[in-house]
Protein backbone atom coordinates (compact mmCIF):
# COMPACT_ATOMS: atom_id res chain seq x y z
CA MET A 1 -18.78 -30.98 -16.48
CA ILE A 2 -15.90 -29.03 -14.96
CA ASP A 3 -13.23 -28.12 -17.51
CA THR A 4 -10.20 -29.89 -16.00
CA ALA A 5 -7.77 -28.46 -18.56
CA PHE A 6 -8.91 -24.92 -17.75
CA LEU A 7 -8.58 -25.60 -14.00
CA ILE A 8 -5.02 -26.84 -14.42
CA THR A 9 -4.09 -23.90 -16.68
CA ALA A 10 -5.64 -21.39 -14.28
CA PHE A 11 -3.95 -22.91 -11.24
CA VAL A 12 -0.51 -23.11 -12.85
CA THR A 13 -0.82 -19.56 -14.23
CA MET A 14 -1.87 -18.00 -10.91
CA PHE A 15 0.59 -20.07 -8.87
CA VAL A 16 3.51 -19.18 -11.13
CA VAL A 17 2.63 -15.48 -11.38
CA ILE A 18 1.95 -14.92 -7.67
CA ASP A 19 4.86 -17.26 -6.84
CA PRO A 20 4.15 -18.10 -3.16
CA ILE A 21 7.47 -19.98 -2.88
CA GLY A 22 9.43 -16.96 -4.04
CA LEU A 23 7.48 -14.64 -1.72
CA ALA A 24 8.10 -16.71 1.42
CA PRO A 25 11.75 -15.63 1.95
CA LEU A 26 10.78 -11.98 1.33
CA PHE A 27 8.04 -12.31 3.94
CA VAL A 28 10.66 -13.53 6.41
CA ALA A 29 12.89 -10.54 5.59
CA LEU A 30 10.02 -8.06 5.92
CA THR A 31 8.89 -9.42 9.28
CA GLN A 32 12.24 -9.96 10.95
CA GLY A 33 12.03 -9.29 14.67
CA VAL A 34 8.21 -9.14 14.58
CA PRO A 35 6.43 -11.20 17.29
CA GLU A 36 4.85 -14.43 15.98
CA ARG A 37 1.29 -13.28 16.67
CA GLN A 38 1.79 -10.01 14.75
CA ARG A 39 3.55 -11.90 11.93
CA ARG A 40 0.48 -14.14 11.53
CA ALA A 41 -1.79 -11.05 11.41
CA ILE A 42 0.40 -9.46 8.72
CA ALA A 43 0.26 -12.67 6.65
CA VAL A 44 -3.55 -12.91 6.85
CA ARG A 45 -4.04 -9.20 6.11
CA ALA A 46 -1.69 -9.22 3.09
CA CYS A 47 -3.39 -12.25 1.49
CA ALA A 48 -6.90 -10.88 2.19
CA ILE A 49 -6.12 -7.47 0.63
CA GLY A 50 -4.46 -9.13 -2.37
CA MET A 51 -7.54 -11.33 -2.87
CA ILE A 52 -9.92 -8.34 -2.73
CA ILE A 53 -7.90 -6.50 -5.38
CA LEU A 54 -7.87 -9.55 -7.68
CA ILE A 55 -11.63 -10.09 -7.19
CA VAL A 56 -12.29 -6.49 -8.27
CA PHE A 57 -10.25 -6.93 -11.46
CA ALA A 58 -11.82 -10.35 -12.19
CA LEU A 59 -15.30 -8.80 -11.91
CA PHE A 60 -14.77 -5.46 -13.64
CA GLY A 61 -11.46 -5.69 -15.51
CA GLU A 62 -12.96 -6.61 -18.88
CA ALA A 63 -15.68 -3.95 -18.55
CA VAL A 64 -13.04 -1.31 -17.88
CA LEU A 65 -11.08 -2.48 -20.93
CA GLY A 66 -14.22 -2.26 -23.08
CA PHE A 67 -14.93 1.25 -21.77
CA ILE A 68 -11.53 2.52 -22.89
CA GLY A 69 -11.72 0.65 -26.21
CA ILE A 70 -9.31 -2.25 -25.68
CA SER A 71 -10.49 -5.62 -27.04
CA MET A 72 -9.98 -8.81 -25.06
CA PRO A 73 -7.76 -10.41 -27.75
CA ALA A 74 -5.50 -7.31 -27.68
CA PHE A 75 -5.28 -7.51 -23.90
CA ARG A 76 -4.59 -11.25 -24.14
CA VAL A 77 -1.62 -10.62 -26.44
CA ALA A 78 -0.33 -7.77 -24.25
CA GLY A 79 -0.85 -9.83 -21.10
CA GLY A 80 0.98 -12.78 -22.64
CA ILE A 81 3.94 -10.53 -23.48
CA LEU A 82 3.92 -9.13 -19.93
CA LEU A 83 3.87 -12.65 -18.46
CA PHE A 84 6.72 -13.67 -20.78
CA LEU A 85 8.81 -10.76 -19.49
CA THR A 86 7.99 -11.87 -15.94
CA ALA A 87 9.14 -15.38 -16.87
CA LEU A 88 12.44 -14.01 -18.19
CA ASP A 89 12.91 -12.10 -14.94
CA MET A 90 12.35 -15.33 -12.98
CA LEU A 91 14.73 -17.32 -15.17
CA PHE A 92 17.52 -14.75 -14.83
CA GLU A 93 16.78 -13.85 -11.16
CA ARG A 94 15.94 -10.21 -11.96
CA ARG A 95 12.44 -10.64 -10.48
CA THR A 96 13.74 -11.66 -7.04
CA LYS A 97 16.15 -8.72 -6.99
CA ARG A 98 13.39 -6.27 -7.97
CA ARG A 99 11.05 -7.68 -5.31
CA GLU A 100 13.80 -7.32 -2.71
CA ASP A 101 14.31 -3.69 -3.80
CA GLN A 102 10.56 -3.06 -3.50
CA SER A 103 10.53 -4.61 -0.05
CA GLU A 104 13.31 -2.27 1.03
CA ASP A 105 11.42 0.80 -0.21
CA THR A 106 9.03 0.80 2.75
CA ASP A 107 9.62 2.43 6.11
CA HIS A 108 6.30 1.24 7.55
CA ASP A 109 6.18 -1.17 10.48
CA ASP A 110 3.30 -3.06 8.86
CA PRO A 111 4.24 -4.33 5.38
CA SER A 112 0.91 -6.11 4.77
CA VAL A 113 -0.51 -3.52 2.32
CA PHE A 114 2.75 -2.36 0.77
CA PRO A 115 4.78 -4.11 -0.45
CA LEU A 116 3.19 -7.52 0.30
CA ALA A 117 -0.40 -7.10 -0.99
CA ILE A 118 0.65 -4.48 -3.58
CA PRO A 119 2.67 -5.10 -5.71
CA LEU A 120 4.08 -8.46 -4.62
CA ILE A 121 0.80 -10.46 -4.46
CA SER A 122 -1.57 -8.40 -6.65
CA GLY A 123 0.91 -6.93 -9.11
CA PRO A 124 0.60 -6.33 -12.86
CA GLY A 125 1.18 -10.00 -13.68
CA SER A 126 -1.52 -11.41 -11.39
CA ILE A 127 -4.01 -8.67 -12.34
CA ALA A 128 -3.41 -9.37 -16.04
CA SER A 129 -3.78 -13.10 -15.38
CA VAL A 130 -7.21 -12.90 -13.68
CA ILE A 131 -8.53 -10.70 -16.50
CA LEU A 132 -7.11 -13.05 -19.15
CA LEU A 133 -8.48 -16.18 -17.45
CA THR A 134 -11.98 -14.76 -16.91
CA GLY A 135 -11.99 -13.64 -20.56
CA GLN A 136 -10.89 -17.11 -21.66
CA LYS A 137 -13.95 -18.70 -20.00
CA PRO A 138 -16.73 -16.07 -19.91
CA GLY A 139 -19.78 -16.44 -17.70
CA VAL A 140 -20.53 -17.06 -14.04
CA GLU A 141 -18.95 -20.53 -14.05
CA GLY A 142 -15.65 -19.25 -15.45
CA LEU A 143 -15.59 -16.36 -12.99
CA ALA A 144 -16.30 -18.70 -10.07
CA LEU A 145 -13.55 -21.11 -11.17
CA VAL A 146 -10.97 -18.33 -11.56
CA LEU A 147 -11.83 -16.83 -8.16
CA ALA A 148 -11.75 -20.28 -6.51
CA ILE A 149 -8.35 -21.05 -8.03
CA THR A 150 -7.03 -17.61 -7.02
CA ALA A 151 -8.29 -18.14 -3.46
CA LEU A 152 -6.61 -21.57 -3.39
CA VAL A 153 -3.28 -20.09 -4.52
CA LEU A 154 -3.53 -17.35 -1.89
CA CYS A 155 -4.30 -20.01 0.75
CA VAL A 156 -1.07 -21.75 -0.30
CA CYS A 157 0.63 -18.35 -0.07
CA LEU A 158 -0.73 -17.84 3.46
CA VAL A 159 0.41 -21.30 4.60
CA LEU A 160 3.90 -20.66 3.22
CA PHE A 161 3.99 -17.24 4.89
CA LEU A 162 3.12 -18.84 8.22
CA ALA A 163 5.74 -21.56 7.70
CA SER A 164 8.21 -19.45 5.73
CA SER A 165 11.10 -19.67 8.18
CA LEU A 166 10.86 -23.49 8.19
CA LEU A 167 10.62 -23.55 4.39
CA GLU A 168 13.66 -21.32 4.04
CA ARG A 169 15.75 -23.64 6.20
CA ALA A 170 14.46 -26.74 4.36
CA LEU A 171 15.02 -25.57 0.78
CA GLY A 172 18.00 -23.32 1.28
CA LYS A 173 18.98 -20.61 -1.18
CA THR A 174 19.87 -23.12 -3.94
CA GLY A 175 16.54 -24.96 -3.59
CA ILE A 176 14.54 -21.75 -3.86
CA THR A 177 16.56 -20.73 -6.95
CA VAL A 178 15.90 -24.10 -8.65
CA VAL A 179 12.14 -23.92 -7.94
CA THR A 180 11.97 -20.33 -9.22
CA ARG A 181 13.70 -21.31 -12.49
CA LEU A 182 11.30 -24.21 -13.05
CA LEU A 183 8.31 -21.94 -12.44
CA GLY A 184 9.80 -19.44 -14.89
CA MET A 185 9.95 -22.08 -17.64
CA LEU A 186 6.29 -23.00 -17.07
CA LEU A 187 5.22 -19.37 -17.13
CA ALA A 188 7.13 -18.75 -20.38
CA ALA A 189 5.21 -21.57 -22.09
CA LEU A 190 1.86 -20.38 -20.72
CA SER A 191 2.52 -16.79 -21.79
CA VAL A 192 3.25 -17.90 -25.37
CA GLN A 193 -0.07 -19.80 -25.31
CA PHE A 194 -1.88 -16.59 -24.27
CA VAL A 195 -0.31 -14.71 -27.21
CA LEU A 196 -1.24 -17.49 -29.66
CA ASP A 197 -4.85 -17.50 -28.36
CA GLY A 198 -5.06 -13.73 -28.80
CA LEU A 199 -3.72 -13.88 -32.36
CA ARG A 200 -6.19 -16.70 -33.14
CA ASN A 201 -9.08 -14.57 -31.87
CA PHE A 202 -7.91 -11.74 -34.15
CA GLY A 203 -8.08 -14.21 -37.07
CA LEU A 204 -4.33 -13.95 -37.67
CA MET A 205 -3.83 -17.68 -37.05
CA PRO A 206 -5.83 -20.75 -38.07
CA GLY A 207 -8.09 -22.22 -35.35
């Protein structure tokens, strides 16, 4: 039996943290004046590189933590706090401003690796999330589910990148702000759940 609750939690977590809707306008800004064919190539390359990075951390993230002496419950609490801070940034629009600043820091013609793949797609929040989710459901099945959900979210990201100019016109600045705030509220609740799970695993809270 597939754990439906875990699938929903994983999808919402990865979708909110990667935030394809919030990235779409930045993709438009980064690729202004770029021919449509090259824009499509940049979108595909950015999502592919981001996926590779997240796969690496899903496979080896917990082993690396064990090697340096960090327990999974400790990382779950720390990751939950990090996600909560990300949620606050989304709710108060600091995240969008920081992402815009990061997008302006590059002088390269091809923004697919930086800043799109790193740190906008596979940043600290999404890396922490894949490690937390694979730790929450250990084993091959859990790993496969997390990677499948991550791939699905990045497919959504790719579709929105390819249709970002249409999306921007449809939603408008106010629409994008409203969606970002709603996603921030969801992420805040999920991050608190991560912290509670970590404390429970430490034995500091009743099961």
